[in-house]
Amino acid sequence: MSPVQYPKDVLDKIELLQEKFKASGQDLSSYLEGLLYADYMTYWDYINLDILLSLQQPRTSFKDEKIFIMYHQITELYFKLIIWELEQIAEREPIDARFFKERLERVNMYFDQLISSFAVMWKGMEREQFLKFRMSLLPSSGFQSAQYRVIEILACDVQQLLFIDIREKMKDESDVNKLFDNLYWQHGAVELATGEKTLTLKTFEKKYGIRLKAFIHNYRSNNIWQKYVSCTEKDEELTKLMKDFDLKANVFWPLAHYKSAVRYLQRDPVDIAATGGTNWQKYLPPRFQKVIFYPELWTEKEREEWGKGWVVKEVFGEE
């Protein structure tokens, strides 16, 4: 029986594998033997499909609660994708315009998906079901999405995220603890009646406070704004991508939430409180918080009317 004649490209790859394993002190023949017994990879195993589909655990018997859970899980996965791209920009040294643009384009694409998909929240559930099953969620709230806070911290200098009434006063503040305590979303999670921190905020701080403060410290000098400032190849295209990111994150995304909140939580003459006790009427609309990642890229009029056009068109149906 004549020996098997392997194609040259196969032999070349075996040689390369030999060099790779030898360099790391490993035995190629042992790995090849392992391949004889290994099962073929399947789609469902690769993406952990069975685990993924088991992660929806409703607290009530209302059918639409499962929609609510799955949509928020999908949202968190998109947040993870956005963080992955922003971290690549932040860690690129030196940063070049091509790489910067490609990653921002991906970030903006993910935000487009998030913004358009929010119709699932305001069209995809029965209002009466939502108003009932939401009570089983107390005191949890979408406010507690730490990944979104990471996106904000990665995006800009943290002073841009401070509560609007003290933003100017603290523009030169460097103490991370003071900065953290005065972030705009901290002020949005206080009891409406007493002004005290809600349980939602207290539990969030306990779980994520240390990590978020570390992010603030670690990305002072290499957040996306600082990378933009240091990029020697920036042009109009890159600037537009930065502005698009700013709008999508700070106008279109929160107002998609606002549109949903108006549908489910607004009731004349009294508005229904959000599950976490947050003041959604002042927390969600951009015109109140005026969180702008890159104010230097916008005109004074654009900053003053931040989010106004979208509200008029999308929420009130006016042109």
Protein backbone atom coordinates (compact mmCIF):
# COMPACT_ATOMS: atom_id res chain seq x y z
CA MET A 1 0.00 0.00 0.00
CA SER A 2 1.56 3.25 -1.13
CA PRO A 3 1.91 6.09 1.41
CA VAL A 4 -0.63 8.93 1.28
CA GLN A 5 0.63 11.91 -0.68
CA TYR A 6 -0.55 15.07 1.07
CA PRO A 7 -0.91 18.29 -0.93
CA LYS A 8 1.89 20.77 -0.42
CA ASP A 9 -0.40 23.37 1.20
CA VAL A 10 -1.40 20.80 3.86
CA LEU A 11 2.24 19.93 4.56
CA ASP A 12 3.10 23.64 4.78
CA LYS A 13 0.37 24.18 7.36
CA ILE A 14 1.55 21.20 9.40
CA GLU A 15 5.06 22.66 9.36
CA LEU A 16 3.74 26.04 10.55
CA LEU A 17 1.77 24.34 13.32
CA GLN A 18 4.91 22.46 14.35
CA GLU A 19 6.80 25.74 14.66
CA LYS A 20 3.95 27.36 16.60
CA PHE A 21 3.67 24.59 19.18
CA LYS A 22 7.44 24.15 19.45
CA ALA A 23 7.83 27.86 20.22
CA SER A 24 5.37 27.54 23.10
CA GLY A 25 6.88 24.31 24.41
CA GLN A 26 3.90 22.20 23.35
CA ASP A 27 3.74 18.86 21.55
CA LEU A 28 1.97 19.06 18.18
CA SER A 29 1.31 15.30 17.98
CA SER A 30 -0.65 15.41 21.26
CA TYR A 31 -2.89 18.16 19.92
CA LEU A 32 -3.40 16.26 16.66
CA GLU A 33 -4.37 13.15 18.63
CA GLY A 34 -6.88 15.26 20.55
CA LEU A 35 -8.48 16.26 17.25
CA LEU A 36 -9.22 12.57 16.55
CA TYR A 37 -11.54 12.40 19.54
CA ALA A 38 -12.99 15.90 19.55
CA ASP A 39 -16.58 16.34 18.38
CA TYR A 40 -17.38 18.67 15.52
CA MET A 41 -18.39 22.18 16.54
CA THR A 42 -22.11 22.87 16.25
CA TYR A 43 -23.90 26.18 15.91
CA TRP A 44 -25.89 25.69 19.11
CA ASP A 45 -22.80 24.84 21.15
CA TYR A 46 -20.72 27.68 19.72
CA ILE A 47 -23.19 30.40 20.73
CA ASN A 48 -24.41 28.56 23.85
CA LEU A 49 -27.91 28.61 22.43
CA ASP A 50 -29.57 26.45 25.08
CA ILE A 51 -28.16 28.64 27.86
CA LEU A 52 -29.12 31.80 26.00
CA LEU A 53 -32.73 30.70 25.55
CA SER A 54 -33.00 29.72 29.20
CA LEU A 55 -32.12 33.19 30.51
CA GLN A 56 -35.66 34.60 30.32
CA GLN A 57 -37.24 34.12 33.75
CA PRO A 58 -40.48 36.14 34.09
CA ARG A 59 -41.68 37.04 37.59
CA THR A 60 -45.36 37.00 36.62
CA SER A 61 -47.75 35.11 34.35
CA PHE A 62 -48.23 38.07 31.99
CA LYS A 63 -47.12 37.01 28.51
CA ASP A 64 -45.64 40.37 27.55
CA GLU A 65 -43.16 40.30 30.42
CA LYS A 66 -41.01 37.90 28.39
CA ILE A 67 -40.84 40.50 25.60
CA PHE A 68 -39.70 43.07 28.16
CA ILE A 69 -36.94 40.79 29.47
CA MET A 70 -35.64 39.71 26.06
CA TYR A 71 -35.54 43.23 24.70
CA HIS A 72 -33.44 44.44 27.63
CA GLN A 73 -31.09 41.48 27.27
CA ILE A 74 -30.63 42.29 23.57
CA THR A 75 -29.96 45.91 24.52
CA GLU A 76 -27.22 44.90 26.95
CA LEU A 77 -25.55 42.80 24.24
CA TYR A 78 -25.49 45.84 21.94
CA PHE A 79 -24.00 47.88 24.79
CA LYS A 80 -21.25 45.29 25.08
CA LEU A 81 -20.51 45.63 21.35
CA ILE A 82 -20.33 49.43 21.69
CA ILE A 83 -17.97 49.20 24.66
CA TRP A 84 -15.77 46.79 22.73
CA GLU A 85 -15.37 49.30 19.89
CA LEU A 86 -14.84 52.31 22.17
CA GLU A 87 -12.19 50.47 24.16
CA GLN A 88 -10.31 49.72 20.95
CA ILE A 89 -10.27 53.43 20.10
CA ALA A 90 -9.21 54.39 23.62
CA GLU A 91 -6.36 51.88 23.69
CA ARG A 92 -5.05 52.54 20.16
CA GLU A 93 -1.68 54.28 20.36
CA PRO A 94 -1.12 56.27 18.30
CA ILE A 95 -4.63 56.66 16.94
CA ASP A 96 -5.04 56.99 13.18
CA ALA A 97 -8.09 58.45 11.47
CA ARG A 98 -8.96 55.35 9.45
CA PHE A 99 -9.14 53.10 12.51
CA PHE A 100 -10.99 55.80 14.47
CA LYS A 101 -13.62 56.22 11.75
CA GLU A 102 -14.18 52.50 11.23
CA ARG A 103 -14.85 51.93 14.93
CA LEU A 104 -17.10 54.97 15.27
CA GLU A 105 -19.08 53.83 12.24
CA ARG A 106 -19.68 50.53 14.01
CA VAL A 107 -20.70 52.29 17.22
CA ASN A 108 -23.16 54.48 15.33
CA MET A 109 -24.53 51.44 13.50
CA TYR A 110 -25.18 49.69 16.82
CA PHE A 111 -26.94 52.78 18.15
CA ASP A 112 -29.09 52.91 15.01
CA GLN A 113 -30.16 49.35 15.72
CA LEU A 114 -30.95 50.20 19.34
CA ILE A 115 -32.90 53.34 18.52
CA SER A 116 -35.03 51.75 15.80
CA SER A 117 -35.62 48.61 17.86
CA PHE A 118 -37.13 50.52 20.77
CA ALA A 119 -40.46 50.29 18.96
CA VAL A 120 -40.56 46.82 20.50
CA MET A 121 -41.04 48.56 23.84
CA TRP A 122 -43.74 51.04 22.90
CA LYS A 123 -45.55 48.97 20.24
CA GLY A 124 -44.79 45.42 21.31
CA MET A 125 -46.51 45.23 24.71
CA GLU A 126 -50.03 45.75 25.98
CA ARG A 127 -50.16 48.80 28.22
CA GLU A 128 -52.32 47.14 30.86
CA GLN A 129 -50.04 44.10 31.06
CA PHE A 130 -47.00 46.31 31.45
CA LEU A 131 -48.52 48.44 34.19
CA LYS A 132 -49.25 45.27 36.16
CA PHE A 133 -46.12 43.17 35.72
CA ARG A 134 -43.85 46.22 36.23
CA MET A 135 -44.82 46.22 39.90
CA SER A 136 -43.05 42.88 40.35
CA LEU A 137 -39.79 44.50 39.16
CA LEU A 138 -39.46 47.00 42.02
CA PRO A 139 -37.00 48.53 42.70
CA SER A 140 -35.05 47.48 39.58
CA SER A 141 -34.75 49.97 36.75
CA GLY A 142 -33.05 50.38 33.38
CA PHE A 143 -31.22 53.18 35.18
CA GLN A 144 -29.11 50.37 36.69
CA SER A 145 -27.44 49.49 33.38
CA ALA A 146 -23.78 49.82 34.34
CA GLN A 147 -22.71 49.12 30.77
CA TYR A 148 -24.40 52.29 29.57
CA ARG A 149 -22.56 54.27 32.25
CA VAL A 150 -19.31 52.77 30.98
CA ILE A 151 -20.18 53.93 27.44
CA GLU A 152 -20.69 57.48 28.74
CA ILE A 153 -17.43 57.46 30.69
CA LEU A 154 -15.52 56.11 27.69
CA ALA A 155 -17.09 58.68 25.40
CA CYS A 156 -16.02 61.97 26.96
CA ASP A 157 -14.42 63.92 29.77
CA VAL A 158 -16.44 63.09 32.87
CA GLN A 159 -17.17 66.78 33.54
CA GLN A 160 -19.60 66.64 30.61
CA LEU A 161 -21.63 64.07 32.57
CA LEU A 162 -22.10 66.17 35.68
CA PHE A 163 -25.51 67.40 36.83
CA ILE A 164 -26.23 70.48 34.75
CA ASP A 165 -26.68 72.88 37.68
CA ILE A 166 -23.13 72.31 38.96
CA ARG A 167 -21.36 71.44 35.72
CA GLU A 168 -19.68 74.80 35.28
CA LYS A 169 -18.79 75.08 38.96
CA MET A 170 -17.02 71.70 38.93
CA LYS A 171 -15.36 71.94 35.53
CA ASP A 172 -11.89 71.80 37.10
CA GLU A 173 -12.71 69.20 39.77
CA SER A 174 -10.34 66.21 39.80
CA ASP A 175 -11.52 64.21 42.80
CA VAL A 176 -13.10 61.04 41.40
CA ASN A 177 -15.41 60.56 44.39
CA LYS A 178 -16.80 64.09 44.10
CA LEU A 179 -17.22 63.71 40.36
CA PHE A 180 -19.00 60.39 40.75
CA ASP A 181 -21.39 61.76 43.39
CA ASN A 182 -22.41 64.60 41.08
CA LEU A 183 -22.99 62.72 37.83
CA TYR A 184 -26.31 63.63 36.20
CA TRP A 185 -27.78 60.16 36.63
CA GLN A 186 -27.04 60.23 40.35
CA HIS A 187 -29.30 63.27 40.62
CA GLY A 188 -31.95 61.51 38.54
CA ALA A 189 -32.36 58.67 41.06
CA VAL A 190 -33.59 60.40 44.18
CA GLU A 191 -36.94 60.07 45.91
CA LEU A 192 -39.36 62.54 44.38
CA ALA A 193 -40.82 63.49 47.78
CA THR A 194 -37.75 63.55 50.06
CA GLY A 195 -34.76 64.07 47.78
CA GLU A 196 -33.06 61.03 49.35
CA LYS A 197 -31.25 58.37 47.32
CA THR A 198 -33.60 55.67 46.11
CA LEU A 199 -33.00 52.00 46.89
CA THR A 200 -32.39 51.66 43.15
CA LEU A 201 -29.44 54.04 43.39
CA LYS A 202 -28.10 52.61 46.65
CA THR A 203 -27.97 49.04 45.33
CA PHE A 204 -26.47 50.23 42.05
CA GLU A 205 -23.69 52.12 43.84
CA LYS A 206 -22.98 49.12 46.06
CA LYS A 207 -22.54 46.78 43.09
CA TYR A 208 -20.87 49.04 40.52
CA GLY A 209 -19.60 52.18 42.30
CA ILE A 210 -15.99 51.07 42.75
CA ARG A 211 -15.72 49.79 39.17
CA LEU A 212 -17.23 52.94 37.66
CA LYS A 213 -14.93 55.18 39.68
CA ALA A 214 -12.00 53.14 38.38
CA PHE A 215 -13.23 53.69 34.82
CA ILE A 216 -13.42 57.44 35.43
CA HIS A 217 -9.83 57.41 36.68
CA ASN A 218 -8.49 55.12 33.95
CA TYR A 219 -10.03 57.00 31.02
CA ARG A 220 -9.27 60.60 32.00
CA SER A 221 -6.61 60.97 29.33
CA ASN A 222 -7.68 58.46 26.70
CA ASN A 223 -11.45 58.68 26.43
CA ILE A 224 -12.89 59.17 22.95
CA TRP A 225 -12.82 62.97 23.18
CA GLN A 226 -9.16 63.00 24.21
CA LYS A 227 -8.33 60.59 21.39
CA TYR A 228 -10.11 62.91 18.95
CA VAL A 229 -8.16 65.92 20.24
CA SER A 230 -4.86 64.04 19.88
CA CYS A 231 -5.61 62.64 16.42
CA THR A 232 -3.41 64.47 13.94
CA GLU A 233 -5.43 63.21 10.96
CA LYS A 234 -8.90 64.36 12.02
CA ASP A 235 -11.08 65.76 9.24
CA GLU A 236 -14.71 66.67 8.58
CA GLU A 237 -15.72 63.03 8.20
CA LEU A 238 -14.36 62.10 11.63
CA THR A 239 -15.96 65.19 13.18
CA LYS A 240 -19.33 64.24 11.69
CA LEU A 241 -19.04 60.73 13.09
CA MET A 242 -18.30 62.19 16.54
CA LYS A 243 -21.36 64.45 16.30
CA ASP A 244 -23.53 61.57 15.09
CA PHE A 245 -22.40 59.49 18.07
CA ASP A 246 -23.21 62.40 20.39
CA LEU A 247 -26.71 62.80 18.96
CA LYS A 248 -27.52 59.10 18.92
CA ALA A 249 -26.37 58.55 22.50
CA ASN A 250 -27.71 61.74 24.07
CA VAL A 251 -30.78 62.64 22.02
CA PHE A 252 -32.20 59.80 19.95
CA TRP A 253 -31.60 57.00 22.46
CA PRO A 254 -32.98 58.70 25.61
CA LEU A 255 -35.91 60.08 23.63
CA ALA A 256 -36.76 56.63 22.37
CA HIS A 257 -37.11 55.79 26.07
CA TYR A 258 -39.11 58.95 26.64
CA LYS A 259 -41.53 58.06 23.87
CA SER A 260 -42.12 54.70 25.55
CA ALA A 261 -42.47 56.30 28.99
CA VAL A 262 -45.09 58.73 27.68
CA ARG A 263 -47.08 55.82 26.27
CA TYR A 264 -46.99 53.70 29.41
CA LEU A 265 -46.44 56.05 32.34
CA GLN A 266 -48.17 59.30 31.48
CA ARG A 267 -51.65 59.56 32.88
CA ASP A 268 -53.63 62.75 33.36
CA PRO A 269 -53.69 64.39 35.79
CA VAL A 270 -50.90 62.42 37.53
CA ASP A 271 -47.90 60.74 35.95
CA ILE A 272 -47.01 57.21 37.06
CA ALA A 273 -43.60 56.92 38.70
CA ALA A 274 -40.88 54.78 37.14
CA THR A 275 -40.11 51.47 38.86
CA GLY A 276 -36.86 52.75 40.34
CA GLY A 277 -38.45 55.90 41.69
CA THR A 278 -36.61 58.04 39.16
CA ASN A 279 -38.14 61.25 37.87
CA TRP A 280 -38.42 60.13 34.25
CA GLN A 281 -40.03 63.39 33.14
CA LYS A 282 -36.82 65.27 33.94
CA TYR A 283 -34.33 62.43 33.66
CA LEU A 284 -35.06 61.30 30.08
CA PRO A 285 -35.63 64.49 28.01
CA PRO A 286 -32.26 65.83 26.76
CA ARG A 287 -33.43 69.44 27.10
CA PHE A 288 -33.35 69.10 30.90
CA GLN A 289 -30.07 67.27 31.48
CA LYS A 290 -28.31 68.64 28.38
CA VAL A 291 -25.74 65.87 28.43
CA ILE A 292 -23.53 66.62 25.43
CA PHE A 293 -20.36 64.60 24.99
CA TYR A 294 -18.71 67.10 22.68
CA PRO A 295 -20.07 70.64 23.24
CA GLU A 296 -17.08 72.09 21.40
CA LEU A 297 -18.39 70.56 18.16
CA TRP A 298 -21.80 72.26 18.34
CA THR A 299 -22.91 75.86 17.93
CA GLU A 300 -24.38 77.79 20.84
CA LYS A 301 -27.86 77.55 19.30
CA GLU A 302 -27.52 73.79 18.79
CA ARG A 303 -26.51 73.36 22.41
CA GLU A 304 -29.37 75.54 23.60
CA GLU A 305 -31.97 73.59 21.58
CA TRP A 306 -30.45 70.18 22.33
CA GLY A 307 -33.05 67.53 21.53
CA LYS A 308 -35.88 69.99 20.92
CA GLY A 309 -36.49 69.14 17.26
CA TRP A 310 -36.75 65.41 17.92
CA VAL A 311 -39.22 65.90 20.77
CA VAL A 312 -41.45 68.15 18.69
CA LYS A 313 -41.52 65.71 15.79
CA GLU A 314 -41.51 62.28 17.47
CA VAL A 315 -43.34 62.85 20.74
CA PHE A 316 -45.80 65.59 19.84
CA GLY A 317 -46.14 64.76 16.13
CA GLU A 318 -45.35 68.25 14.92
CA GLU A 319 -43.00 69.27 12.12
